C-alpha atoms as a PDB file:
ATOM      1  CA  MET A   1     -40.471   4.337  24.913  1.00  0.00           C
ATOM      2  CA  THR A   2     -37.579   6.599  25.792  1.00  0.00           C
ATOM      3  CA  PHE A   3     -34.537   6.600  23.527  1.00  0.00           C
ATOM      4  CA  LYS A   4     -30.993   7.750  24.210  1.00  0.00           C
ATOM      5  CA  TRP A   5     -28.065   8.130  21.818  1.00  0.00           C
ATOM      6  CA  VAL A   6     -25.271   5.577  22.112  1.00  0.00           C
ATOM      7  CA  ILE A   7     -21.972   6.219  20.315  1.00  0.00           C
ATOM      8  CA  ASP A   8     -20.647   3.086  18.624  1.00  0.00           C
ATOM      9  CA  LYS A   9     -17.525   4.616  17.111  1.00  0.00           C
ATOM     10  CA  GLU A  10     -16.167   8.079  17.994  1.00  0.00           C
ATOM     11  CA  ALA A  11     -15.480  10.391  15.034  1.00  0.00           C
ATOM     12  CA  THR A  12     -11.918  11.627  14.573  1.00  0.00           C
ATOM     13  CA  ALA A  13     -10.381  14.314  12.377  1.00  0.00           C
ATOM     14  CA  THR A  14     -10.143  11.975   9.374  1.00  0.00           C
ATOM     15  CA  THR A  15     -12.594   9.116   9.986  1.00  0.00           C
ATOM     16  CA  ARG A  16     -16.349   9.092  10.394  1.00  0.00           C
ATOM     17  CA  GLY A  17     -18.023   7.628  13.442  1.00  0.00           C
ATOM     18  CA  SER A  18     -21.411   6.080  14.099  1.00  0.00           C
ATOM     19  CA  LYS A  19     -24.166   6.259  16.708  1.00  0.00           C
ATOM     20  CA  HIS A  20     -27.593   4.750  17.243  1.00  0.00           C
ATOM     21  CA  GLU A  21     -30.657   5.339  19.391  1.00  0.00           C
ATOM     22  CA  GLU A  22     -31.444   2.718  22.002  1.00  0.00           C
ATOM     23  CA  CYS A  23     -34.559   2.306  24.132  1.00  0.00           C
ATOM     24  CA  THR A  24     -33.806   2.760  27.828  1.00  0.00           C
ATOM     25  CA  VAL A  25     -36.616   0.384  28.798  1.00  0.00           C
ATOM     26  CA  CYS A  26     -36.435  -2.630  26.473  1.00  0.00           C
ATOM     27  CA  GLY A  27     -33.077  -2.154  24.709  1.00  0.00           C
ATOM     28  CA  TYR A  28     -34.512  -1.853  21.169  1.00  0.00           C
ATOM     29  CA  LYS A  29     -31.939  -0.333  18.787  1.00  0.00           C
ATOM     30  CA  LYS A  30     -32.764   1.941  15.862  1.00  0.00           C
ATOM     31  CA  ALA A  31     -30.657   2.073  12.690  1.00  0.00           C
ATOM     32  CA  ALA A  32     -27.188   3.554  13.068  1.00  0.00           C
ATOM     33  CA  ALA A  33     -26.551   7.164  12.075  1.00  0.00           C
ATOM     34  CA  GLU A  34     -23.284   8.567  10.795  1.00  0.00           C
ATOM     35  CA  ILE A  35     -21.161  11.077  12.724  1.00  0.00           C
ATOM     36  CA  PRO A  36     -19.156  13.208  10.249  1.00  0.00           C
ATOM     37  CA  ALA A  37     -15.379  13.536  10.632  1.00  0.00           C
ATOM     38  CA  THR A  38     -14.334  16.615  12.564  1.00  0.00           C
ATOM     39  CA  GLY A  39     -11.965  17.719   9.775  1.00  0.00           C
ATOM     40  CA  SER A  40      -9.350  19.298  12.006  1.00  0.00           C
ATOM     41  CA  ALA A  41      -6.731  17.620  14.152  1.00  0.00           C
ATOM     42  CA  ALA A  42      -5.903  20.863  15.989  1.00  0.00           C
ATOM     43  CA  LYS A  43      -8.040  21.977  18.888  1.00  0.00           C
ATOM     44  CA  PRO A  44      -9.231  25.604  18.721  1.00  0.00           C
ATOM     45  CA  THR A  45      -7.119  26.471  21.766  1.00  0.00           C
ATOM     46  CA  ASP A  46      -4.018  24.973  20.145  1.00  0.00           C
ATOM     47  CA  GLN A  47      -4.003  27.172  17.049  1.00  0.00           C
ATOM     48  CA  THR A  48      -0.635  28.738  16.325  1.00  0.00           C
ATOM     49  CA  ASP A  49       0.450  31.743  14.317  1.00  0.00           C
ATOM     50  CA  ASN A  50       3.125  31.720  11.597  1.00  0.00           C
ATOM     51  CA  PHE A  51       5.932  31.831  14.163  1.00  0.00           C
ATOM     52  CA  GLY A  52       4.753  28.795  16.145  1.00  0.00           C
ATOM     53  CA  ASN A  53       3.352  30.837  19.027  1.00  0.00           C
ATOM     54  CA  THR A  54      -0.084  30.112  20.388  1.00  0.00           C
ATOM     55  CA  THR A  55      -2.515  32.959  19.787  1.00  0.00           C
ATOM     56  CA  SER A  56      -5.182  34.350  22.059  1.00  0.00           C
ATOM     57  CA  PRO A  57      -8.763  33.957  20.902  1.00  0.00           C
ATOM     58  CA  LYS A  58     -10.391  37.067  19.462  1.00  0.00           C
ATOM     59  CA  THR A  59     -13.001  38.373  21.888  1.00  0.00           C
ATOM     60  CA  GLY A  60     -14.359  41.238  19.813  1.00  0.00           C
ATOM     61  CA  ASP A  61     -13.303  43.828  22.402  1.00  0.00           C
ATOM     62  CA  SER A  62     -11.522  46.521  20.413  1.00  0.00           C
ATOM     63  CA  SER A  63     -11.778  49.381  22.915  1.00  0.00           C
ATOM     64  CA  ASN A  64      -8.864  51.777  23.188  1.00  0.00           C
ATOM     65  CA  LEU A  65      -7.112  51.283  26.545  1.00  0.00           C
ATOM     66  CA  VAL A  66      -5.249  54.614  26.329  1.00  0.00           C
ATOM     67  CA  LEU A  67      -8.576  56.452  26.045  1.00  0.00           C
ATOM     68  CA  TRP A  68      -9.912  54.798  29.213  1.00  0.00           C
ATOM     69  CA  ILE A  69      -6.725  55.577  31.167  1.00  0.00           C
ATOM     70  CA  ALA A  70      -6.867  59.227  30.016  1.00  0.00           C
ATOM     71  CA  LEU A  71     -10.512  59.466  31.109  1.00  0.00           C
ATOM     72  CA  LEU A  72      -9.574  57.990  34.489  1.00  0.00           C
ATOM     73  CA  PHE A  73      -6.930  60.648  35.084  1.00  0.00           C
ATOM     74  CA  ILE A  74      -9.147  63.487  33.828  1.00  0.00           C
ATOM     75  CA  SER A  75     -12.056  62.460  36.071  1.00  0.00           C
ATOM     76  CA  GLY A  76      -9.705  61.950  39.026  1.00  0.00           C
ATOM     77  CA  GLY A  77      -8.275  65.429  38.463  1.00  0.00           C
ATOM     78  CA  ALA A  78     -11.770  66.876  38.305  1.00  0.00           C
ATOM     79  CA  VAL A  79     -12.699  65.254  41.625  1.00  0.00           C
ATOM     80  CA  ILE A  80      -9.517  66.493  43.306  1.00  0.00           C
ATOM     81  CA  GLY A  81     -10.002  69.998  41.842  1.00  0.00           C
ATOM     82  CA  THR A  82     -13.609  70.151  43.041  1.00  0.00           C
ATOM     83  CA  THR A  83     -12.566  69.043  46.533  1.00  0.00           C
ATOM     84  CA  VAL A  84      -9.795  71.661  46.740  1.00  0.00           C
ATOM     85  CA  VAL A  85     -12.064  74.480  45.543  1.00  0.00           C
ATOM     86  CA  SER A  86     -14.846  73.542  47.963  1.00  0.00           C
ATOM     87  CA  ARG A  87     -12.414  73.425  50.902  1.00  0.00           C
ATOM     88  CA  LYS A  88     -10.945  76.829  49.996  1.00  0.00           C
ATOM     89  CA  LYS A  89     -14.440  78.326  49.895  1.00  0.00           C
ATOM     90  CA  LYS A  90     -15.257  76.756  53.254  1.00  0.00           C
ATOM     91  CA  TYR A  91     -12.139  78.160  54.994  1.00  0.00           C
ATOM     92  CA  ASN A  92     -12.362  81.628  53.387  1.00  0.00           C
ATOM     93  CA  ARG A  93     -15.739  82.430  54.927  1.00  0.00           C
END
């Protein structure tokens, strides 16, 4: 026997739902199980801050953007400086 879940009543934010297992071969139904209420009418993507604006989800990335931009310019300057020095040495021979 192979069973699959069948939802009888979808759960909402305030009301419980129900589901049961049903045999895919003969149609035998097991006792219904309860689906708990979701408890929140707002979707996670629809959360708003105190001013009514939607907020971006927190990703956990707290890196400092200014630091990365500074490192980009420092490394770029180092590459340009190395290139200039090597060309001066090449032409001064």
